[in-house]
């Protein structure tokens, strides 16, 4: 049975393609989902790809993940820098977490250099645009492979 990876996207990521393309690129979230599905197929993974502008909904999905996901990839958007609630939910879920950002957050405003999500993440991928999601899936596959052996 294929391992399942929950891919969560936070606020404003539904605006990709039109929102600051000089920072976030021209691909839409739908384009990224398509890329993720293709990469997951290559890796023998299944994915559950979701987006919400609501912190509470993201927390709910994370809390449900122990029953449905083997790993979590998260681009929490602005909640990365503000949400102790997401941090607590990710810790409680007990699943491997990979943090993703389209832009290199360390080349941006100082407030973006701090991440609550990083405190529980196995790794952080930033600055590679949409390709970062594919890299995160490859990392998740490797983490799950090692855990299984």
C-alpha atoms as a PDB file:
ATOM      1  CA  UNK A   1       0.000   0.000   0.000  1.00  0.00           C
ATOM      2  CA  UNK A   2       1.348   3.428  -0.955  1.00  0.00           C
ATOM      3  CA  UNK A   3       2.444   5.769   1.787  1.00  0.00           C
ATOM      4  CA  UNK A   4       0.297   8.904   1.973  1.00  0.00           C
ATOM      5  CA  UNK A   5       1.708  12.411   2.239  1.00  0.00           C
ATOM      6  CA  UNK A   6      -0.477  15.280   3.371  1.00  0.00           C
ATOM      7  CA  UNK A   7       0.520  18.488   1.559  1.00  0.00           C
ATOM      8  CA  UNK A   8      -0.843  21.592   3.253  1.00  0.00           C
ATOM      9  CA  UNK A   9      -0.807  25.119   1.876  1.00  0.00           C
ATOM     10  CA  UNK A  10      -1.620  28.156   3.955  1.00  0.00           C
ATOM     11  CA  UNK A  11      -3.041  31.609   3.363  1.00  0.00           C
ATOM     12  CA  UNK A  12      -2.795  33.378   0.032  1.00  0.00           C
ATOM     13  CA  UNK A  13      -1.263  30.407  -1.762  1.00  0.00           C
ATOM     14  CA  UNK A  14      -4.548  30.106  -3.631  1.00  0.00           C
ATOM     15  CA  UNK A  15      -3.488  33.399  -5.280  1.00  0.00           C
ATOM     16  CA  UNK A  16      -0.336  31.959  -6.842  1.00  0.00           C
ATOM     17  CA  UNK A  17       0.093  32.856 -10.491  1.00  0.00           C
ATOM     18  CA  UNK A  18      -1.232  36.368  -9.972  1.00  0.00           C
ATOM     19  CA  UNK A  19       0.210  37.281  -6.558  1.00  0.00           C
ATOM     20  CA  UNK A  20       3.648  38.882  -6.801  1.00  0.00           C
ATOM     21  CA  UNK A  21       4.936  36.624  -9.603  1.00  0.00           C
ATOM     22  CA  UNK A  22       8.373  38.246  -9.316  1.00  0.00           C
ATOM     23  CA  UNK A  23       8.631  36.600  -5.876  1.00  0.00           C
ATOM     24  CA  UNK A  24       6.418  33.510  -6.123  1.00  0.00           C
ATOM     25  CA  UNK A  25       6.576  32.682  -9.828  1.00  0.00           C
ATOM     26  CA  UNK A  26       3.831  32.352 -12.392  1.00  0.00           C
ATOM     27  CA  UNK A  27       2.638  28.829 -11.606  1.00  0.00           C
ATOM     28  CA  UNK A  28      -0.731  28.455  -9.919  1.00  0.00           C
ATOM     29  CA  UNK A  29      -1.405  26.233  -6.932  1.00  0.00           C
ATOM     30  CA  UNK A  30      -3.222  23.927  -9.363  1.00  0.00           C
ATOM     31  CA  UNK A  31      -0.034  23.689 -11.434  1.00  0.00           C
ATOM     32  CA  UNK A  32       1.921  22.803  -8.292  1.00  0.00           C
ATOM     33  CA  UNK A  33      -0.626  20.150  -7.361  1.00  0.00           C
ATOM     34  CA  UNK A  34      -0.298  18.615 -10.835  1.00  0.00           C
ATOM     35  CA  UNK A  35       3.503  18.539 -10.457  1.00  0.00           C
ATOM     36  CA  UNK A  36       3.153  16.958  -7.013  1.00  0.00           C
ATOM     37  CA  UNK A  37       0.807  14.250  -8.266  1.00  0.00           C
ATOM     38  CA  UNK A  38       3.219  13.351 -11.067  1.00  0.00           C
ATOM     39  CA  UNK A  39       6.198  13.236  -8.677  1.00  0.00           C
ATOM     40  CA  UNK A  40       4.247  11.213  -6.105  1.00  0.00           C
ATOM     41  CA  UNK A  41       3.351   8.670  -8.813  1.00  0.00           C
ATOM     42  CA  UNK A  42       7.044   8.308  -9.705  1.00  0.00           C
ATOM     43  CA  UNK A  43       7.901   7.782  -6.041  1.00  0.00           C
ATOM     44  CA  UNK A  44       5.065   5.347  -5.308  1.00  0.00           C
ATOM     45  CA  UNK A  45       3.370   7.778  -2.920  1.00  0.00           C
ATOM     46  CA  UNK A  46      -0.178   9.010  -2.694  1.00  0.00           C
ATOM     47  CA  UNK A  47      -0.903  12.605  -1.746  1.00  0.00           C
ATOM     48  CA  UNK A  48      -3.675  14.603  -0.181  1.00  0.00           C
ATOM     49  CA  UNK A  49      -3.154  18.191  -1.405  1.00  0.00           C
ATOM     50  CA  UNK A  50      -5.052  20.963   0.413  1.00  0.00           C
ATOM     51  CA  UNK A  51      -5.097  24.743   0.853  1.00  0.00           C
ATOM     52  CA  UNK A  52      -6.810  26.970   3.379  1.00  0.00           C
ATOM     53  CA  UNK A  53      -6.657  30.601   4.389  1.00  0.00           C
ATOM     54  CA  UNK A  54      -7.907  29.557   7.833  1.00  0.00           C
ATOM     55  CA  UNK A  55      -5.429  28.683  10.577  1.00  0.00           C
ATOM     56  CA  UNK A  56      -8.085  26.628  12.384  1.00  0.00           C
ATOM     57  CA  UNK A  57      -8.826  24.513   9.337  1.00  0.00           C
ATOM     58  CA  UNK A  58      -5.116  23.791   8.863  1.00  0.00           C
ATOM     59  CA  UNK A  59      -4.898  22.773  12.537  1.00  0.00           C
ATOM     60  CA  UNK A  60      -7.934  20.497  12.105  1.00  0.00           C
ATOM     61  CA  UNK A  61      -6.359  18.774   9.092  1.00  0.00           C
ATOM     62  CA  UNK A  62      -3.087  18.257  10.971  1.00  0.00           C
ATOM     63  CA  UNK A  63      -4.962  16.822  13.957  1.00  0.00           C
ATOM     64  CA  UNK A  64      -6.691  14.342  11.623  1.00  0.00           C
ATOM     65  CA  UNK A  65      -3.411  13.323   9.948  1.00  0.00           C
ATOM     66  CA  UNK A  66      -2.318  10.546  12.353  1.00  0.00           C
ATOM     67  CA  UNK A  67      -5.120   8.400  10.924  1.00  0.00           C
ATOM     68  CA  UNK A  68      -4.526   9.227   7.273  1.00  0.00           C
ATOM     69  CA  UNK A  69      -0.974  10.429   6.555  1.00  0.00           C
ATOM     70  CA  UNK A  70       2.509   9.048   6.919  1.00  0.00           C
ATOM     71  CA  UNK A  71       4.249  12.419   6.474  1.00  0.00           C
ATOM     72  CA  UNK A  72       3.321  16.091   6.169  1.00  0.00           C
ATOM     73  CA  UNK A  73       4.660  18.684   3.753  1.00  0.00           C
ATOM     74  CA  UNK A  74       3.607  22.181   4.708  1.00  0.00           C
ATOM     75  CA  UNK A  75       3.908  25.619   3.194  1.00  0.00           C
ATOM     76  CA  UNK A  76       2.176  27.533   5.950  1.00  0.00           C
ATOM     77  CA  UNK A  77       2.578  30.890   4.196  1.00  0.00           C
ATOM     78  CA  UNK A  78       2.444  33.770   6.659  1.00  0.00           C
ATOM     79  CA  UNK A  79       1.405  31.396   9.466  1.00  0.00           C
ATOM     80  CA  UNK A  80       4.975  30.082   9.340  1.00  0.00           C
ATOM     81  CA  UNK A  81       6.062  33.171  11.239  1.00  0.00           C
ATOM     82  CA  UNK A  82       3.111  33.523  13.616  1.00  0.00           C
ATOM     83  CA  UNK A  83       1.363  30.261  14.433  1.00  0.00           C
ATOM     84  CA  UNK A  84       2.166  28.459  17.651  1.00  0.00           C
ATOM     85  CA  UNK A  85      -1.105  26.590  17.024  1.00  0.00           C
ATOM     86  CA  UNK A  86       0.297  24.993  13.860  1.00  0.00           C
ATOM     87  CA  UNK A  87       3.545  24.158  15.654  1.00  0.00           C
ATOM     88  CA  UNK A  88       1.654  22.468  18.503  1.00  0.00           C
ATOM     89  CA  UNK A  89      -0.576  20.522  16.101  1.00  0.00           C
ATOM     90  CA  UNK A  90       2.404  19.331  14.053  1.00  0.00           C
ATOM     91  CA  UNK A  91       4.231  18.205  17.183  1.00  0.00           C
ATOM     92  CA  UNK A  92       1.148  16.361  18.428  1.00  0.00           C
ATOM     93  CA  UNK A  93       0.626  14.623  15.069  1.00  0.00           C
ATOM     94  CA  UNK A  94       3.943  12.834  15.454  1.00  0.00           C
ATOM     95  CA  UNK A  95       4.562  12.574  11.721  1.00  0.00           C
ATOM     96  CA  UNK A  96       7.694  13.610   9.801  1.00  0.00           C
ATOM     97  CA  UNK A  97       7.262  17.227   8.668  1.00  0.00           C
ATOM     98  CA  UNK A  98       8.958  18.971   5.763  1.00  0.00           C
ATOM     99  CA  UNK A  99       8.600  22.751   5.512  1.00  0.00           C
ATOM    100  CA  UNK A 100       8.471  24.311   2.037  1.00  0.00           C
ATOM    101  CA  UNK A 101       8.630  27.910   0.819  1.00  0.00           C
ATOM    102  CA  UNK A 102       8.611  29.067  -2.779  1.00  0.00           C
ATOM    103  CA  UNK A 103      10.885  32.022  -2.092  1.00  0.00           C
ATOM    104  CA  UNK A 104      14.113  32.098  -0.121  1.00  0.00           C
ATOM    105  CA  UNK A 105      12.717  33.455   3.123  1.00  0.00           C
ATOM    106  CA  UNK A 106      16.221  34.357   4.302  1.00  0.00           C
ATOM    107  CA  UNK A 107      16.623  36.871   1.473  1.00  0.00           C
ATOM    108  CA  UNK A 108      13.422  38.646   2.436  1.00  0.00           C
ATOM    109  CA  UNK A 109      12.176  40.797   5.306  1.00  0.00           C
ATOM    110  CA  UNK A 110      13.674  39.999   8.710  1.00  0.00           C
ATOM    111  CA  UNK A 111      10.337  38.819  10.174  1.00  0.00           C
ATOM    112  CA  UNK A 112      10.289  36.031   7.560  1.00  0.00           C
ATOM    113  CA  UNK A 113      13.576  34.620   8.890  1.00  0.00           C
ATOM    114  CA  UNK A 114      11.808  33.177  11.947  1.00  0.00           C
ATOM    115  CA  UNK A 115       9.728  30.025  11.544  1.00  0.00           C
ATOM    116  CA  UNK A 116       7.644  28.237  14.142  1.00  0.00           C
ATOM    117  CA  UNK A 117       7.208  25.342  11.710  1.00  0.00           C
ATOM    118  CA  UNK A 118      10.980  24.762  11.563  1.00  0.00           C
ATOM    119  CA  UNK A 119      10.982  23.820  15.225  1.00  0.00           C
ATOM    120  CA  UNK A 120       9.269  20.543  14.340  1.00  0.00           C
ATOM    121  CA  UNK A 121      10.349  20.058  10.707  1.00  0.00           C
ATOM    122  CA  UNK A 122      12.866  17.419   9.663  1.00  0.00           C
ATOM    123  CA  UNK A 123      14.037  19.882   7.021  1.00  0.00           C
ATOM    124  CA  UNK A 124      13.253  23.120   5.217  1.00  0.00           C
ATOM    125  CA  UNK A 125      13.253  23.646   1.457  1.00  0.00           C
ATOM    126  CA  UNK A 126      13.085  27.248   0.304  1.00  0.00           C
ATOM    127  CA  UNK A 127      13.974  29.335  -2.703  1.00  0.00           C
ATOM    128  CA  UNK A 128      13.413  26.775  -5.458  1.00  0.00           C
ATOM    129  CA  UNK A 129       9.922  27.882  -6.448  1.00  0.00           C
ATOM    130  CA  UNK A 130       7.408  25.176  -7.275  1.00  0.00           C
ATOM    131  CA  UNK A 131      10.220  22.651  -7.680  1.00  0.00           C
ATOM    132  CA  UNK A 132      10.615  22.777  -3.894  1.00  0.00           C
ATOM    133  CA  UNK A 133       7.453  20.712  -3.524  1.00  0.00           C
ATOM    134  CA  UNK A 134       8.925  17.956  -5.687  1.00  0.00           C
ATOM    135  CA  UNK A 135      12.122  18.057  -3.620  1.00  0.00           C
ATOM    136  CA  UNK A 136       9.996  17.801  -0.474  1.00  0.00           C
ATOM    137  CA  UNK A 137       8.215  14.725  -1.844  1.00  0.00           C
ATOM    138  CA  UNK A 138      11.569  13.116  -2.632  1.00  0.00           C
ATOM    139  CA  UNK A 139      12.708  13.840   0.925  1.00  0.00           C
ATOM    140  CA  UNK A 140       9.456  12.441   2.343  1.00  0.00           C
ATOM    141  CA  UNK A 141       9.869   9.261   0.300  1.00  0.00           C
ATOM    142  CA  UNK A 142      13.404   8.808   1.626  1.00  0.00           C
ATOM    143  CA  UNK A 143      12.349   9.487   5.238  1.00  0.00           C
ATOM    144  CA  UNK A 144       9.506   6.962   4.971  1.00  0.00           C
ATOM    145  CA  UNK A 145      11.770   4.395   3.278  1.00  0.00           C
ATOM    146  CA  UNK A 146      14.356   4.660   6.065  1.00  0.00           C
ATOM    147  CA  UNK A 147      11.652   4.475   8.755  1.00  0.00           C
ATOM    148  CA  UNK A 148      10.289   1.293   7.187  1.00  0.00           C
ATOM    149  CA  UNK A 149      13.640  -0.518   7.097  1.00  0.00           C
END
